[in-house]
PDB file of N, CA and C in Angstrom:
ATOM      1  N   UNK A   1      93.342  92.834 114.314  1.00  0.00           N
ATOM      2  CA  UNK A   1      93.618  93.261 113.028  1.00  0.00           C
ATOM      3  C   UNK A   1      95.005  93.825 112.890  1.00  0.00           C
ATOM      4  N   UNK A   2      95.279  94.480 113.978  1.00  0.00           N
ATOM      5  CA  UNK A   2      96.520  95.348 114.123  1.00  0.00           C
ATOM      6  C   UNK A   2      97.715  94.376 113.917  1.00  0.00           C
ATOM      7  N   UNK A   3      97.692  93.158 114.294  1.00  0.00           N
ATOM      8  CA  UNK A   3      98.856  92.163 114.377  1.00  0.00           C
ATOM      9  C   UNK A   3      99.165  91.926 113.014  1.00  0.00           C
ATOM     10  N   UNK A   4      98.472  92.261 111.780  1.00  0.00           N
ATOM     11  CA  UNK A   4      98.355  91.809 110.513  1.00  0.00           C
ATOM     12  C   UNK A   4      99.357  93.144 110.009  1.00  0.00           C
ATOM     13  N   UNK A   5      99.678  94.088 110.546  1.00  0.00           N
ATOM     14  CA  UNK A   5     100.242  95.021 109.732  1.00  0.00           C
ATOM     15  C   UNK A   5     101.661  95.045 110.168  1.00  0.00           C
ATOM     16  N   UNK A   6     102.358  95.195 108.779  1.00  0.00           N
ATOM     17  CA  UNK A   6     103.888  94.914 109.163  1.00  0.00           C
ATOM     18  C   UNK A   6     104.547  96.282 109.588  1.00  0.00           C
ATOM     19  N   UNK A   7     105.684  96.206 110.104  1.00  0.00           N
ATOM     20  CA  UNK A   7     106.574  97.061 110.963  1.00  0.00           C
ATOM     21  C   UNK A   7     107.298  97.900 109.848  1.00  0.00           C
ATOM     22  N   UNK A   8     107.217  99.291 109.802  1.00  0.00           N
ATOM     23  CA  UNK A   8     106.740 100.291 110.806  1.00  0.00           C
ATOM     24  C   UNK A   8     105.490 100.787 110.726  1.00  0.00           C
ATOM     25  N   UNK A   9     104.567 100.183 109.758  1.00  0.00           N
ATOM     26  CA  UNK A   9     103.273 100.829 109.604  1.00  0.00           C
ATOM     27  C   UNK A   9     102.151 100.578 110.697  1.00  0.00           C
ATOM     28  N   UNK A  10     101.392 101.489 110.775  1.00  0.00           N
ATOM     29  CA  UNK A  10     100.124 101.158 111.692  1.00  0.00           C
ATOM     30  C   UNK A  10      98.936 101.774 110.968  1.00  0.00           C
ATOM     31  N   UNK A  11      97.812 101.102 111.118  1.00  0.00           N
ATOM     32  CA  UNK A  11      96.452 101.583 110.731  1.00  0.00           C
ATOM     33  C   UNK A  11      95.611 101.821 111.593  1.00  0.00           C
ATOM     34  N   UNK A  12      94.800 102.913 111.402  1.00  0.00           N
ATOM     35  CA  UNK A  12      93.818 103.350 112.206  1.00  0.00           C
ATOM     36  C   UNK A  12      92.278 103.326 111.647  1.00  0.00           C
ATOM     37  N   UNK A  13      91.367 102.605 112.169  1.00  0.00           N
ATOM     38  CA  UNK A  13      90.098 102.574 111.569  1.00  0.00           C
ATOM     39  C   UNK A  13      89.133 103.544 112.286  1.00  0.00           C
ATOM     40  N   UNK A  14      88.401 104.325 111.560  1.00  0.00           N
ATOM     41  CA  UNK A  14      87.657 105.430 112.410  1.00  0.00           C
ATOM     42  C   UNK A  14      86.242 105.385 111.769  1.00  0.00           C
ATOM     43  N   UNK A  15      85.042 105.485 112.497  1.00  0.00           N
ATOM     44  CA  UNK A  15      83.891 105.840 112.053  1.00  0.00           C
ATOM     45  C   UNK A  15      83.746 107.173 111.611  1.00  0.00           C
ATOM     46  N   UNK A  16      83.090 107.239 110.491  1.00  0.00           N
ATOM     47  CA  UNK A  16      82.835 108.503 109.751  1.00  0.00           C
ATOM     48  C   UNK A  16      81.515 109.161 109.964  1.00  0.00           C
ATOM     49  N   UNK A  17      81.550 110.560 110.286  1.00  0.00           N
ATOM     50  CA  UNK A  17      80.198 111.131 110.573  1.00  0.00           C
ATOM     51  C   UNK A  17      79.235 111.223 109.495  1.00  0.00           C
ATOM     52  N   UNK A  18      79.909 111.297 108.059  1.00  0.00           N
ATOM     53  CA  UNK A  18      78.878 111.178 107.050  1.00  0.00           C
ATOM     54  C   UNK A  18      79.778 110.489 105.951  1.00  0.00           C
ATOM     55  N   UNK A  19      79.396 109.417 105.492  1.00  0.00           N
ATOM     56  CA  UNK A  19      77.952 108.717 105.924  1.00  0.00           C
ATOM     57  C   UNK A  19      77.961 108.186 107.140  1.00  0.00           C
ATOM     58  N   UNK A  20      76.831 108.309 107.844  1.00  0.00           N
ATOM     59  CA  UNK A  20      76.798 107.880 109.181  1.00  0.00           C
ATOM     60  C   UNK A  20      76.692 106.038 108.857  1.00  0.00           C
ATOM     61  N   UNK A  21      77.392 105.624 109.829  1.00  0.00           N
ATOM     62  CA  UNK A  21      77.794 104.092 109.838  1.00  0.00           C
ATOM     63  C   UNK A  21      78.887 103.555 109.125  1.00  0.00           C
ATOM     64  N   UNK A  22      79.414 104.462 108.321  1.00  0.00           N
ATOM     65  CA  UNK A  22      80.549 103.928 107.529  1.00  0.00           C
ATOM     66  C   UNK A  22      81.864 104.200 108.117  1.00  0.00           C
ATOM     67  N   UNK A  23      83.040 103.695 107.718  1.00  0.00           N
ATOM     68  CA  UNK A  23      84.372 103.790 108.277  1.00  0.00           C
ATOM     69  C   UNK A  23      85.477 104.258 107.180  1.00  0.00           C
ATOM     70  N   UNK A  24      86.524 104.785 107.809  1.00  0.00           N
ATOM     71  CA  UNK A  24      87.680 105.201 107.054  1.00  0.00           C
ATOM     72  C   UNK A  24      88.938 104.914 107.710  1.00  0.00           C
ATOM     73  N   UNK A  25      90.102 104.922 106.933  1.00  0.00           N
ATOM     74  CA  UNK A  25      91.375 104.616 107.631  1.00  0.00           C
ATOM     75  C   UNK A  25      92.348 105.631 107.563  1.00  0.00           C
ATOM     76  N   UNK A  26      93.479 105.564 108.351  1.00  0.00           N
ATOM     77  CA  UNK A  26      94.642 106.470 108.250  1.00  0.00           C
ATOM     78  C   UNK A  26      95.781 105.444 108.425  1.00  0.00           C
ATOM     79  N   UNK A  27      96.773 105.633 107.439  1.00  0.00           N
ATOM     80  CA  UNK A  27      97.842 105.161 107.476  1.00  0.00           C
ATOM     81  C   UNK A  27      99.223 105.649 107.844  1.00  0.00           C
ATOM     82  N   UNK A  28      99.834 105.169 109.076  1.00  0.00           N
ATOM     83  CA  UNK A  28     101.031 105.798 109.209  1.00  0.00           C
ATOM     84  C   UNK A  28     102.437 104.836 109.023  1.00  0.00           C
ATOM     85  N   UNK A  29     103.542 105.645 108.887  1.00  0.00           N
ATOM     86  CA  UNK A  29     104.805 104.834 108.847  1.00  0.00           C
ATOM     87  C   UNK A  29     105.480 105.545 109.726  1.00  0.00           C
ATOM     88  N   UNK A  30     106.185 104.554 110.803  1.00  0.00           N
ATOM     89  CA  UNK A  30     106.762 105.189 112.038  1.00  0.00           C
ATOM     90  C   UNK A  30     106.230 106.417 112.625  1.00  0.00           C
ATOM     91  N   UNK A  31     104.923 106.374 112.739  1.00  0.00           N
ATOM     92  CA  UNK A  31     104.038 107.409 113.501  1.00  0.00           C
ATOM     93  C   UNK A  31     103.650 108.462 112.672  1.00  0.00           C
ATOM     94  N   UNK A  32     104.115 108.540 111.268  1.00  0.00           N
ATOM     95  CA  UNK A  32     103.894 109.748 110.429  1.00  0.00           C
ATOM     96  C   UNK A  32     102.648 109.583 109.520  1.00  0.00           C
ATOM     97  N   UNK A  33     101.703 110.135 109.603  1.00  0.00           N
ATOM     98  CA  UNK A  33     100.645 110.206 108.549  1.00  0.00           C
ATOM     99  C   UNK A  33     101.014 110.239 107.064  1.00  0.00           C
ATOM    100  N   UNK A  34     100.815 109.253 106.380  1.00  0.00           N
ATOM    101  CA  UNK A  34     101.112 109.143 104.945  1.00  0.00           C
ATOM    102  C   UNK A  34     100.097 109.142 104.162  1.00  0.00           C
ATOM    103  N   UNK A  35      99.007 108.570 104.540  1.00  0.00           N
ATOM    104  CA  UNK A  35      97.879 108.492 103.656  1.00  0.00           C
ATOM    105  C   UNK A  35      96.313 108.404 104.443  1.00  0.00           C
ATOM    106  N   UNK A  36      95.118 108.758 103.777  1.00  0.00           N
ATOM    107  CA  UNK A  36      94.047 108.584 104.521  1.00  0.00           C
ATOM    108  C   UNK A  36      93.118 107.997 103.294  1.00  0.00           C
ATOM    109  N   UNK A  37      91.991 107.109 103.781  1.00  0.00           N
ATOM    110  CA  UNK A  37      91.157 106.792 102.857  1.00  0.00           C
ATOM    111  C   UNK A  37      90.339 107.671 102.103  1.00  0.00           C
ATOM    112  N   UNK A  38      90.180 107.805 100.806  1.00  0.00           N
ATOM    113  CA  UNK A  38      89.310 108.841  99.995  1.00  0.00           C
ATOM    114  C   UNK A  38      87.937 108.281  99.937  1.00  0.00           C
ATOM    115  N   UNK A  39      87.591 107.245 100.676  1.00  0.00           N
ATOM    116  CA  UNK A  39      86.132 106.675 100.278  1.00  0.00           C
ATOM    117  C   UNK A  39      85.763 106.116 101.552  1.00  0.00           C
ATOM    118  N   UNK A  40      84.356 105.859 101.726  1.00  0.00           N
ATOM    119  CA  UNK A  40      83.826 105.341 102.832  1.00  0.00           C
ATOM    120  C   UNK A  40      83.521 103.812 102.773  1.00  0.00           C
ATOM    121  N   UNK A  41      83.869 103.006 103.783  1.00  0.00           N
ATOM    122  CA  UNK A  41      83.719 101.556 103.710  1.00  0.00           C
ATOM    123  C   UNK A  41      82.394 101.398 104.626  1.00  0.00           C
ATOM    124  N   UNK A  42      81.608 100.214 104.146  1.00  0.00           N
ATOM    125  CA  UNK A  42      80.415  99.898 105.151  1.00  0.00           C
ATOM    126  C   UNK A  42      80.869  98.979 106.275  1.00  0.00           C
ATOM    127  N   UNK A  43      82.065  98.292 106.328  1.00  0.00           N
ATOM    128  CA  UNK A  43      82.717  97.701 107.387  1.00  0.00           C
ATOM    129  C   UNK A  43      83.886  98.143 107.833  1.00  0.00           C
ATOM    130  N   UNK A  44      84.170  98.034 109.155  1.00  0.00           N
ATOM    131  CA  UNK A  44      85.733  98.020 109.506  1.00  0.00           C
ATOM    132  C   UNK A  44      86.606  97.332 108.956  1.00  0.00           C
ATOM    133  N   UNK A  45      86.216  95.749 108.663  1.00  0.00           N
ATOM    134  CA  UNK A  45      86.816  94.915 107.911  1.00  0.00           C
ATOM    135  C   UNK A  45      87.264  95.358 106.655  1.00  0.00           C
ATOM    136  N   UNK A  46      86.085  95.716 105.989  1.00  0.00           N
ATOM    137  CA  UNK A  46      86.467  96.285 104.326  1.00  0.00           C
ATOM    138  C   UNK A  46      87.343  97.480 104.384  1.00  0.00           C
ATOM    139  N   UNK A  47      87.224  98.361 105.480  1.00  0.00           N
ATOM    140  CA  UNK A  47      88.280  99.481 105.426  1.00  0.00           C
ATOM    141  C   UNK A  47      89.675  98.930 106.006  1.00  0.00           C
ATOM    142  N   UNK A  48      89.915  98.086 106.789  1.00  0.00           N
ATOM    143  CA  UNK A  48      90.994  97.527 107.125  1.00  0.00           C
ATOM    144  C   UNK A  48      91.862  96.876 105.926  1.00  0.00           C
ATOM    145  N   UNK A  49      90.818  95.850 105.051  1.00  0.00           N
ATOM    146  CA  UNK A  49      91.440  95.211 103.943  1.00  0.00           C
ATOM    147  C   UNK A  49      92.000  96.305 102.821  1.00  0.00           C
ATOM    148  N   UNK A  50      91.252  97.543 102.624  1.00  0.00           N
ATOM    149  CA  UNK A  50      91.735  98.429 101.773  1.00  0.00           C
ATOM    150  C   UNK A  50      93.028  99.067 102.462  1.00  0.00           C
ATOM    151  N   UNK A  51      93.315  99.352 103.537  1.00  0.00           N
ATOM    152  CA  UNK A  51      94.483  99.971 104.050  1.00  0.00           C
ATOM    153  C   UNK A  51      95.596  98.937 103.796  1.00  0.00           C
ATOM    154  N   UNK A  52      95.433  97.760 104.082  1.00  0.00           N
ATOM    155  CA  UNK A  52      96.233  96.667 103.894  1.00  0.00           C
ATOM    156  C   UNK A  52      96.989  96.872 102.287  1.00  0.00           C
ATOM    157  N   UNK A  53      95.927  97.010 101.526  1.00  0.00           N
ATOM    158  CA  UNK A  53      96.313  97.010  99.940  1.00  0.00           C
ATOM    159  C   UNK A  53      97.199  98.453  99.684  1.00  0.00           C
ATOM    160  N   UNK A  54      96.753  99.441 100.451  1.00  0.00           N
ATOM    161  CA  UNK A  54      97.552 100.679 100.298  1.00  0.00           C
ATOM    162  C   UNK A  54      99.044 100.422 100.946  1.00  0.00           C
ATOM    163  N   UNK A  55      99.159  99.774 101.919  1.00  0.00           N
ATOM    164  CA  UNK A  55     100.604  99.204 102.349  1.00  0.00           C
ATOM    165  C   UNK A  55     101.269  98.495 101.456  1.00  0.00           C
ATOM    166  N   UNK A  56     100.667  97.602 100.722  1.00  0.00           N
ATOM    167  CA  UNK A  56     101.251  96.846  99.716  1.00  0.00           C
ATOM    168  C   UNK A  56     101.712  97.791  98.564  1.00  0.00           C
ATOM    169  N   UNK A  57     101.007  98.815  98.183  1.00  0.00           N
ATOM    170  CA  UNK A  57     101.329  99.629  97.177  1.00  0.00           C
ATOM    171  C   UNK A  57     102.517 100.383  97.725  1.00  0.00           C
ATOM    172  N   UNK A  58     102.567 100.958  98.877  1.00  0.00           N
ATOM    173  CA  UNK A  58     103.590 101.623  99.227  1.00  0.00           C
ATOM    174  C   UNK A  58     105.041 100.872  99.593  1.00  0.00           C
ATOM    175  N   UNK A  59     105.012  99.602  99.800  1.00  0.00           N
ATOM    176  CA  UNK A  59     106.127  98.981  99.835  1.00  0.00           C
ATOM    177  C   UNK A  59     106.628  98.268  98.634  1.00  0.00           C
ATOM    178  N   UNK A  60     105.752  98.189  97.313  1.00  0.00           N
ATOM    179  CA  UNK A  60     106.442  97.749  96.007  1.00  0.00           C
ATOM    180  C   UNK A  60     107.360  98.800  95.537  1.00  0.00           C
ATOM    181  N   UNK A  61     108.546  98.593  95.187  1.00  0.00           N
ATOM    182  CA  UNK A  61     109.424  99.536  94.727  1.00  0.00           C
ATOM    183  C   UNK A  61     109.270  99.875  93.217  1.00  0.00           C
ATOM    184  N   UNK A  62     108.516  98.816  92.400  1.00  0.00           N
ATOM    185  CA  UNK A  62     108.268  98.814  91.130  1.00  0.00           C
ATOM    186  C   UNK A  62     107.112  99.515  90.747  1.00  0.00           C
ATOM    187  N   UNK A  63     106.186  99.732  91.756  1.00  0.00           N
ATOM    188  CA  UNK A  63     104.703 100.499  91.603  1.00  0.00           C
ATOM    189  C   UNK A  63     105.029 101.887  91.698  1.00  0.00           C
ATOM    190  N   UNK A  64     106.065 102.463  92.069  1.00  0.00           N
ATOM    191  CA  UNK A  64     106.582 103.938  92.250  1.00  0.00           C
ATOM    192  C   UNK A  64     105.901 104.317  93.718  1.00  0.00           C
ATOM    193  N   UNK A  65     105.980 103.343  94.611  1.00  0.00           N
ATOM    194  CA  UNK A  65     105.723 103.731  95.974  1.00  0.00           C
ATOM    195  C   UNK A  65     106.069 104.972  96.538  1.00  0.00           C
ATOM    196  N   UNK A  66     105.454 105.240  97.687  1.00  0.00           N
ATOM    197  CA  UNK A  66     105.658 106.681  98.111  1.00  0.00           C
ATOM    198  C   UNK A  66     106.826 106.937  99.049  1.00  0.00           C
ATOM    199  N   UNK A  67     107.778 106.035  99.093  1.00  0.00           N
ATOM    200  CA  UNK A  67     108.766 106.026 100.022  1.00  0.00           C
ATOM    201  C   UNK A  67     109.676 107.146  99.606  1.00  0.00           C
TER     202      UNK A  67
END
C-alpha cells in the first residue's frame, strides 16, 4: 500500500482502541503531520483509500488545498 503514496507524503494506518476492530490514518508531508482521519474505518484498505483521497485534496490547487 505504501508504494501508492506520492512523494513527499506518507500514510500510517493504525488500529483504533474504540471502536475496537476499526482503523484510522495519519497523513504526513515530509514527515510533518498534516491530517488525521476523523472517522473510523472497518478495514485497513478503506482507511488507506480515504487517506489517498485526502492527499488528492491537498495537492489540488483549485480546491484550496492545505499547502
